[in-house]
Amino acid sequence: MTTIAPSTRRSPTPVVHIQVGLALVAATVLGFRAARTALGQAVPETDTASHVLGALVVGGAAGLATAAAVLLLASRQGAAVAALATTLLLELVVLGAVASPPRLITALPLGLAMALFLVPNPGATSRPAGAVSRSRTAAGVVALLLMLPVGFLYLMSGLVVPSPNLFGMYALYGLLLAGAALLARRRSWWVLALPPLSAGLWFLLITIGGRFWGWQP
């Protein structure tokens, strides 16, 4: 009697985790720009309708970058390349004319994420598709999406935190984001703890800085 081998699915590799982190960094910066554009802060146009349209365009780019991260975790490399390329094209051609600064800053993480597709992954492994829990995968996706508004808090820290300490805040968020991507790759339920933990650390640091180090907006 013949048996049917279970279907397999490629497990995300360390290179993919780096790509996911880069895509989420780009999505976070684009989300920050969308908020600034909607508020009319330093946008090229002064018309309110232009602010709304620009915010929608930048928000769409942030959504594409987030979708690229999700597609990478799902091993959909072709679709992920398309999402990253479209986001990069929007950044290079469109966003500078309709959105608030910082301009072209997401071109670097997007370009690096695309360049990593050229890196071979000989150590990639496969696992039975039935062994992957859909609920755990969904938890990882939800946690990574929740890290985006948390990243917005860290980006806005520049309004309060002076420059030397500000880079430390950015580095902390980068480590937390990398930890979330790693836990999502391992399908761990602990990934759901990263967004509230990251937000809690931000509020704690801002409170301590304001009380002991004189951080003021």
C-alpha atoms as a PDB file:
ATOM      1  CA  MET A   1       0.000   0.000   0.000  1.00  0.00           C
ATOM      2  CA  THR A   2       1.418   3.351  -1.003  1.00  0.00           C
ATOM      3  CA  THR A   3       1.537   6.237   1.382  1.00  0.00           C
ATOM      4  CA  ILE A   4       1.266   9.907   0.551  1.00  0.00           C
ATOM      5  CA  ALA A   5       4.058  12.036   1.927  1.00  0.00           C
ATOM      6  CA  PRO A   6       2.873  15.069   3.841  1.00  0.00           C
ATOM      7  CA  SER A   7       3.280  18.400   2.113  1.00  0.00           C
ATOM      8  CA  THR A   8       6.143  20.505   3.310  1.00  0.00           C
ATOM      9  CA  ARG A   9       6.634  24.172   3.932  1.00  0.00           C
ATOM     10  CA  ARG A  10       9.917  26.036   4.084  1.00  0.00           C
ATOM     11  CA  SER A  11      10.772  27.294   7.526  1.00  0.00           C
ATOM     12  CA  PRO A  12      11.813  30.964   7.721  1.00  0.00           C
ATOM     13  CA  THR A  13      15.584  31.384   7.878  1.00  0.00           C
ATOM     14  CA  PRO A  14      17.676  34.044   9.684  1.00  0.00           C
ATOM     15  CA  VAL A  15      17.931  35.970   6.418  1.00  0.00           C
ATOM     16  CA  VAL A  16      14.139  36.068   6.194  1.00  0.00           C
ATOM     17  CA  HIS A  17      13.952  37.343   9.782  1.00  0.00           C
ATOM     18  CA  ILE A  18      16.266  40.215   8.891  1.00  0.00           C
ATOM     19  CA  GLN A  19      14.110  40.995   5.854  1.00  0.00           C
ATOM     20  CA  VAL A  20      10.985  40.990   8.015  1.00  0.00           C
ATOM     21  CA  GLY A  21      12.623  43.382  10.475  1.00  0.00           C
ATOM     22  CA  LEU A  22      13.721  45.737   7.685  1.00  0.00           C
ATOM     23  CA  ALA A  23      10.241  45.723   6.143  1.00  0.00           C
ATOM     24  CA  LEU A  24       8.661  46.511   9.531  1.00  0.00           C
ATOM     25  CA  VAL A  25      11.128  49.333  10.163  1.00  0.00           C
ATOM     26  CA  ALA A  26      10.140  50.843   6.811  1.00  0.00           C
ATOM     27  CA  ALA A  27       6.444  50.362   7.617  1.00  0.00           C
ATOM     28  CA  THR A  28       6.868  52.097  10.986  1.00  0.00           C
ATOM     29  CA  VAL A  29       8.620  55.126   9.469  1.00  0.00           C
ATOM     30  CA  LEU A  30       5.979  55.343   6.740  1.00  0.00           C
ATOM     31  CA  GLY A  31       3.236  55.199   9.360  1.00  0.00           C
ATOM     32  CA  PHE A  32       4.911  58.090  11.188  1.00  0.00           C
ATOM     33  CA  ARG A  33       5.070  60.079   7.941  1.00  0.00           C
ATOM     34  CA  ALA A  34       1.408  59.337   7.236  1.00  0.00           C
ATOM     35  CA  ALA A  35       0.437  60.790  10.615  1.00  0.00           C
ATOM     36  CA  ARG A  36       2.567  63.911  10.065  1.00  0.00           C
ATOM     37  CA  THR A  37       1.162  64.367   6.572  1.00  0.00           C
ATOM     38  CA  ALA A  38      -2.413  64.083   7.815  1.00  0.00           C
ATOM     39  CA  LEU A  39      -1.645  66.828  10.351  1.00  0.00           C
ATOM     40  CA  GLY A  40      -0.159  69.016   7.615  1.00  0.00           C
ATOM     41  CA  GLN A  41       3.320  69.171   9.149  1.00  0.00           C
ATOM     42  CA  ALA A  42       5.956  70.284   6.614  1.00  0.00           C
ATOM     43  CA  VAL A  43       4.087  68.902   3.602  1.00  0.00           C
ATOM     44  CA  PRO A  44       4.765  70.324   0.111  1.00  0.00           C
ATOM     45  CA  GLU A  45       1.101  71.272  -0.380  1.00  0.00           C
ATOM     46  CA  THR A  46      -0.923  73.501   1.934  1.00  0.00           C
ATOM     47  CA  ASP A  47      -4.378  72.380   0.830  1.00  0.00           C
ATOM     48  CA  THR A  48      -6.212  70.177   3.329  1.00  0.00           C
ATOM     49  CA  ALA A  49      -7.390  67.790   0.628  1.00  0.00           C
ATOM     50  CA  SER A  50      -3.769  67.326  -0.443  1.00  0.00           C
ATOM     51  CA  HIS A  51      -2.855  66.454   3.138  1.00  0.00           C
ATOM     52  CA  VAL A  52      -5.509  63.747   3.254  1.00  0.00           C
ATOM     53  CA  LEU A  53      -4.526  62.359  -0.145  1.00  0.00           C
ATOM     54  CA  GLY A  54      -0.845  62.333   0.794  1.00  0.00           C
ATOM     55  CA  ALA A  55      -1.590  60.602   4.089  1.00  0.00           C
ATOM     56  CA  LEU A  56      -3.575  57.929   2.253  1.00  0.00           C
ATOM     57  CA  VAL A  57      -0.737  57.332  -0.208  1.00  0.00           C
ATOM     58  CA  VAL A  58       1.872  57.045   2.554  1.00  0.00           C
ATOM     59  CA  GLY A  59      -0.479  54.862   4.588  1.00  0.00           C
ATOM     60  CA  GLY A  60      -0.864  52.596   1.576  1.00  0.00           C
ATOM     61  CA  ALA A  61       2.924  52.332   1.309  1.00  0.00           C
ATOM     62  CA  ALA A  62       3.096  51.426   5.010  1.00  0.00           C
ATOM     63  CA  GLY A  63       0.482  48.746   4.405  1.00  0.00           C
ATOM     64  CA  LEU A  64       2.501  47.333   1.518  1.00  0.00           C
ATOM     65  CA  ALA A  65       5.644  47.143   3.637  1.00  0.00           C
ATOM     66  CA  THR A  66       3.690  45.374   6.383  1.00  0.00           C
ATOM     67  CA  ALA A  67       2.214  42.981   3.846  1.00  0.00           C
ATOM     68  CA  ALA A  68       5.731  42.210   2.614  1.00  0.00           C
ATOM     69  CA  ALA A  69       6.731  41.209   6.160  1.00  0.00           C
ATOM     70  CA  VAL A  70       3.712  38.920   6.476  1.00  0.00           C
ATOM     71  CA  LEU A  71       4.371  37.370   3.052  1.00  0.00           C
ATOM     72  CA  LEU A  72       8.000  36.731   3.973  1.00  0.00           C
ATOM     73  CA  LEU A  73       6.927  34.867   7.106  1.00  0.00           C
ATOM     74  CA  ALA A  74       4.541  32.838   4.945  1.00  0.00           C
ATOM     75  CA  SER A  75       7.394  31.967   2.521  1.00  0.00           C
ATOM     76  CA  ARG A  76       5.659  33.823  -0.335  1.00  0.00           C
ATOM     77  CA  GLN A  77       8.847  35.325  -1.711  1.00  0.00           C
ATOM     78  CA  GLY A  78       7.490  36.309  -5.113  1.00  0.00           C
ATOM     79  CA  ALA A  79       4.635  38.324  -3.636  1.00  0.00           C
ATOM     80  CA  ALA A  80       6.985  39.793  -1.002  1.00  0.00           C
ATOM     81  CA  VAL A  81       9.377  41.027  -3.707  1.00  0.00           C
ATOM     82  CA  ALA A  82       6.479  42.685  -5.523  1.00  0.00           C
ATOM     83  CA  ALA A  83       5.289  44.410  -2.331  1.00  0.00           C
ATOM     84  CA  LEU A  84       8.787  45.622  -1.422  1.00  0.00           C
ATOM     85  CA  ALA A  85       9.503  46.824  -4.964  1.00  0.00           C
ATOM     86  CA  THR A  86       6.210  48.731  -5.139  1.00  0.00           C
ATOM     87  CA  THR A  87       6.873  50.377  -1.774  1.00  0.00           C
ATOM     88  CA  LEU A  88      10.392  51.357  -2.817  1.00  0.00           C
ATOM     89  CA  LEU A  89       9.097  52.789  -6.107  1.00  0.00           C
ATOM     90  CA  LEU A  90       6.512  54.858  -4.234  1.00  0.00           C
ATOM     91  CA  GLU A  91       9.220  56.166  -1.902  1.00  0.00           C
ATOM     92  CA  LEU A  92      11.593  57.119  -4.693  1.00  0.00           C
ATOM     93  CA  VAL A  93       9.071  58.608  -7.142  1.00  0.00           C
ATOM     94  CA  VAL A  94       5.860  59.689  -5.395  1.00  0.00           C
ATOM     95  CA  LEU A  95       6.109  60.213  -1.646  1.00  0.00           C
ATOM     96  CA  GLY A  96       8.599  63.073  -1.714  1.00  0.00           C
ATOM     97  CA  ALA A  97       6.046  65.261  -3.497  1.00  0.00           C
ATOM     98  CA  VAL A  98       3.046  64.528  -1.264  1.00  0.00           C
ATOM     99  CA  ALA A  99       4.320  63.534   2.187  1.00  0.00           C
ATOM    100  CA  SER A 100       6.076  65.024   5.186  1.00  0.00           C
ATOM    101  CA  PRO A 101       9.740  64.366   6.004  1.00  0.00           C
ATOM    102  CA  PRO A 102      11.787  62.323   6.688  1.00  0.00           C
ATOM    103  CA  ARG A 103      12.007  61.688   2.952  1.00  0.00           C
ATOM    104  CA  LEU A 104      13.758  58.742   1.302  1.00  0.00           C
ATOM    105  CA  ILE A 105      14.696  57.310   4.701  1.00  0.00           C
ATOM    106  CA  THR A 106      12.843  54.043   4.032  1.00  0.00           C
ATOM    107  CA  ALA A 107      14.709  53.479   0.773  1.00  0.00           C
ATOM    108  CA  LEU A 108      17.654  52.016   2.713  1.00  0.00           C
ATOM    109  CA  PRO A 109      15.804  49.254   4.662  1.00  0.00           C
ATOM    110  CA  LEU A 110      13.651  48.448   1.636  1.00  0.00           C
ATOM    111  CA  GLY A 111      16.677  48.219  -0.635  1.00  0.00           C
ATOM    112  CA  LEU A 112      18.544  46.042   1.861  1.00  0.00           C
ATOM    113  CA  ALA A 113      15.543  43.742   2.242  1.00  0.00           C
ATOM    114  CA  MET A 114      15.401  43.270  -1.522  1.00  0.00           C
ATOM    115  CA  ALA A 115      19.169  42.783  -1.783  1.00  0.00           C
ATOM    116  CA  LEU A 116      18.980  39.936   0.742  1.00  0.00           C
ATOM    117  CA  PHE A 117      16.949  37.910  -1.768  1.00  0.00           C
ATOM    118  CA  LEU A 118      20.280  37.415  -3.550  1.00  0.00           C
ATOM    119  CA  VAL A 119      21.766  35.703  -0.479  1.00  0.00           C
ATOM    120  CA  PRO A 120      21.545  31.892  -0.778  1.00  0.00           C
ATOM    121  CA  ASN A 121      19.911  30.007   2.084  1.00  0.00           C
ATOM    122  CA  PRO A 122      21.366  26.504   1.949  1.00  0.00           C
ATOM    123  CA  GLY A 123      20.402  25.794   5.530  1.00  0.00           C
ATOM    124  CA  ALA A 124      16.681  26.239   4.945  1.00  0.00           C
ATOM    125  CA  THR A 125      14.662  23.358   6.329  1.00  0.00           C
ATOM    126  CA  SER A 126      11.196  22.091   5.681  1.00  0.00           C
ATOM    127  CA  ARG A 127       8.495  20.884   8.008  1.00  0.00           C
ATOM    128  CA  PRO A 128       5.164  19.165   7.547  1.00  0.00           C
ATOM    129  CA  ALA A 129       2.457  21.715   6.872  1.00  0.00           C
ATOM    130  CA  GLY A 130       0.173  19.996   9.345  1.00  0.00           C
ATOM    131  CA  ALA A 131       2.698  20.559  12.138  1.00  0.00           C
ATOM    132  CA  VAL A 132       2.363  24.334  11.903  1.00  0.00           C
ATOM    133  CA  SER A 133      -0.386  25.699  14.083  1.00  0.00           C
ATOM    134  CA  ARG A 134      -2.470  28.302  12.302  1.00  0.00           C
ATOM    135  CA  SER A 135      -3.366  29.960  15.575  1.00  0.00           C
ATOM    136  CA  ARG A 136       0.295  30.365  16.540  1.00  0.00           C
ATOM    137  CA  THR A 137       1.092  31.774  13.115  1.00  0.00           C
ATOM    138  CA  ALA A 138      -1.799  34.222  13.423  1.00  0.00           C
ATOM    139  CA  ALA A 139      -0.522  35.252  16.866  1.00  0.00           C
ATOM    140  CA  GLY A 140       2.854  36.088  15.365  1.00  0.00           C
ATOM    141  CA  VAL A 141       1.293  38.171  12.606  1.00  0.00           C
ATOM    142  CA  VAL A 142      -0.933  40.047  15.062  1.00  0.00           C
ATOM    143  CA  ALA A 143       2.005  40.742  17.372  1.00  0.00           C
ATOM    144  CA  LEU A 144       4.141  42.099  14.521  1.00  0.00           C
ATOM    145  CA  LEU A 145       1.286  44.344  13.402  1.00  0.00           C
ATOM    146  CA  LEU A 146       0.885  45.630  16.964  1.00  0.00           C
ATOM    147  CA  MET A 147       4.581  46.481  17.031  1.00  0.00           C
ATOM    148  CA  LEU A 148       3.930  49.152  14.373  1.00  0.00           C
ATOM    149  CA  PRO A 149       2.014  51.623  16.593  1.00  0.00           C
ATOM    150  CA  VAL A 150       4.514  50.895  19.364  1.00  0.00           C
ATOM    151  CA  GLY A 151       7.275  51.821  16.927  1.00  0.00           C
ATOM    152  CA  PHE A 152       5.455  55.099  16.313  1.00  0.00           C
ATOM    153  CA  LEU A 153       5.852  55.898  20.022  1.00  0.00           C
ATOM    154  CA  TYR A 154       9.588  55.269  19.841  1.00  0.00           C
ATOM    155  CA  LEU A 155       9.905  57.414  16.710  1.00  0.00           C
ATOM    156  CA  MET A 156       8.046  60.250  18.434  1.00  0.00           C
ATOM    157  CA  SER A 157      10.496  60.085  21.347  1.00  0.00           C
ATOM    158  CA  GLY A 158      12.562  62.749  19.591  1.00  0.00           C
ATOM    159  CA  LEU A 159      10.022  65.325  20.782  1.00  0.00           C
ATOM    160  CA  VAL A 160      11.106  64.649  24.371  1.00  0.00           C
ATOM    161  CA  VAL A 161      14.348  62.667  24.441  1.00  0.00           C
ATOM    162  CA  PRO A 162      17.640  64.474  23.634  1.00  0.00           C
ATOM    163  CA  SER A 163      19.783  63.116  20.825  1.00  0.00           C
ATOM    164  CA  PRO A 164      22.306  60.897  22.652  1.00  0.00           C
ATOM    165  CA  ASN A 165      19.576  59.049  24.540  1.00  0.00           C
ATOM    166  CA  LEU A 166      17.285  59.040  21.509  1.00  0.00           C
ATOM    167  CA  PHE A 167      19.576  56.654  19.630  1.00  0.00           C
ATOM    168  CA  GLY A 168      19.400  54.327  22.606  1.00  0.00           C
ATOM    169  CA  MET A 169      15.593  54.372  22.375  1.00  0.00           C
ATOM    170  CA  TYR A 170      15.785  53.483  18.691  1.00  0.00           C
ATOM    171  CA  ALA A 171      18.262  50.688  19.395  1.00  0.00           C
ATOM    172  CA  LEU A 172      16.007  49.308  22.130  1.00  0.00           C
ATOM    173  CA  TYR A 173      13.041  49.201  19.782  1.00  0.00           C
ATOM    174  CA  GLY A 174      15.173  47.512  17.144  1.00  0.00           C
ATOM    175  CA  LEU A 175      16.084  44.765  19.613  1.00  0.00           C
ATOM    176  CA  LEU A 176      12.462  44.340  20.695  1.00  0.00           C
ATOM    177  CA  LEU A 177      11.335  44.165  17.066  1.00  0.00           C
ATOM    178  CA  ALA A 178      13.996  41.561  16.291  1.00  0.00           C
ATOM    179  CA  GLY A 179      12.858  39.560  19.314  1.00  0.00           C
ATOM    180  CA  ALA A 180       9.260  39.701  18.117  1.00  0.00           C
ATOM    181  CA  ALA A 181      10.292  38.495  14.661  1.00  0.00           C
ATOM    182  CA  LEU A 182      12.284  35.618  16.197  1.00  0.00           C
ATOM    183  CA  LEU A 183       9.403  34.536  18.433  1.00  0.00           C
ATOM    184  CA  ALA A 184       6.999  34.786  15.490  1.00  0.00           C
ATOM    185  CA  ARG A 185       9.312  32.538  13.492  1.00  0.00           C
ATOM    186  CA  ARG A 186       9.292  29.983  16.314  1.00  0.00           C
ATOM    187  CA  ARG A 187       5.475  30.177  16.549  1.00  0.00           C
ATOM    188  CA  SER A 188       5.767  30.988  20.252  1.00  0.00           C
ATOM    189  CA  TRP A 189       2.829  32.373  22.210  1.00  0.00           C
ATOM    190  CA  TRP A 190       5.323  34.646  23.999  1.00  0.00           C
ATOM    191  CA  VAL A 191       5.358  36.857  20.906  1.00  0.00           C
ATOM    192  CA  LEU A 192       2.073  38.378  22.093  1.00  0.00           C
ATOM    193  CA  ALA A 193       3.893  39.747  25.148  1.00  0.00           C
ATOM    194  CA  LEU A 194       6.313  41.841  23.087  1.00  0.00           C
ATOM    195  CA  PRO A 195       3.964  44.705  22.029  1.00  0.00           C
ATOM    196  CA  PRO A 196       2.693  45.501  25.570  1.00  0.00           C
ATOM    197  CA  LEU A 197       6.196  44.990  26.979  1.00  0.00           C
ATOM    198  CA  SER A 198       7.654  47.380  24.400  1.00  0.00           C
ATOM    199  CA  ALA A 199       4.986  50.008  25.102  1.00  0.00           C
ATOM    200  CA  GLY A 200       5.453  49.612  28.848  1.00  0.00           C
ATOM    201  CA  LEU A 201       9.222  50.084  28.554  1.00  0.00           C
ATOM    202  CA  TRP A 202       8.665  53.245  26.510  1.00  0.00           C
ATOM    203  CA  PHE A 203       6.336  54.776  29.096  1.00  0.00           C
ATOM    204  CA  LEU A 204       8.697  53.751  31.907  1.00  0.00           C
ATOM    205  CA  LEU A 205      11.739  55.306  30.233  1.00  0.00           C
ATOM    206  CA  ILE A 206       9.887  58.517  29.379  1.00  0.00           C
ATOM    207  CA  THR A 207       8.646  58.782  32.982  1.00  0.00           C
ATOM    208  CA  ILE A 208      12.081  58.156  34.479  1.00  0.00           C
ATOM    209  CA  GLY A 209      13.715  60.552  32.024  1.00  0.00           C
ATOM    210  CA  GLY A 210      11.252  63.305  32.814  1.00  0.00           C
ATOM    211  CA  ARG A 211      11.655  62.881  36.559  1.00  0.00           C
ATOM    212  CA  PHE A 212      15.402  62.365  36.920  1.00  0.00           C
ATOM    213  CA  TRP A 213      17.026  63.575  33.705  1.00  0.00           C
ATOM    214  CA  GLY A 214      14.891  66.594  32.865  1.00  0.00           C
ATOM    215  CA  TRP A 215      13.415  65.336  29.595  1.00  0.00           C
ATOM    216  CA  GLN A 216      10.810  67.860  28.518  1.00  0.00           C
ATOM    217  CA  PRO A 217       8.915  68.388  25.210  1.00  0.00           C
END
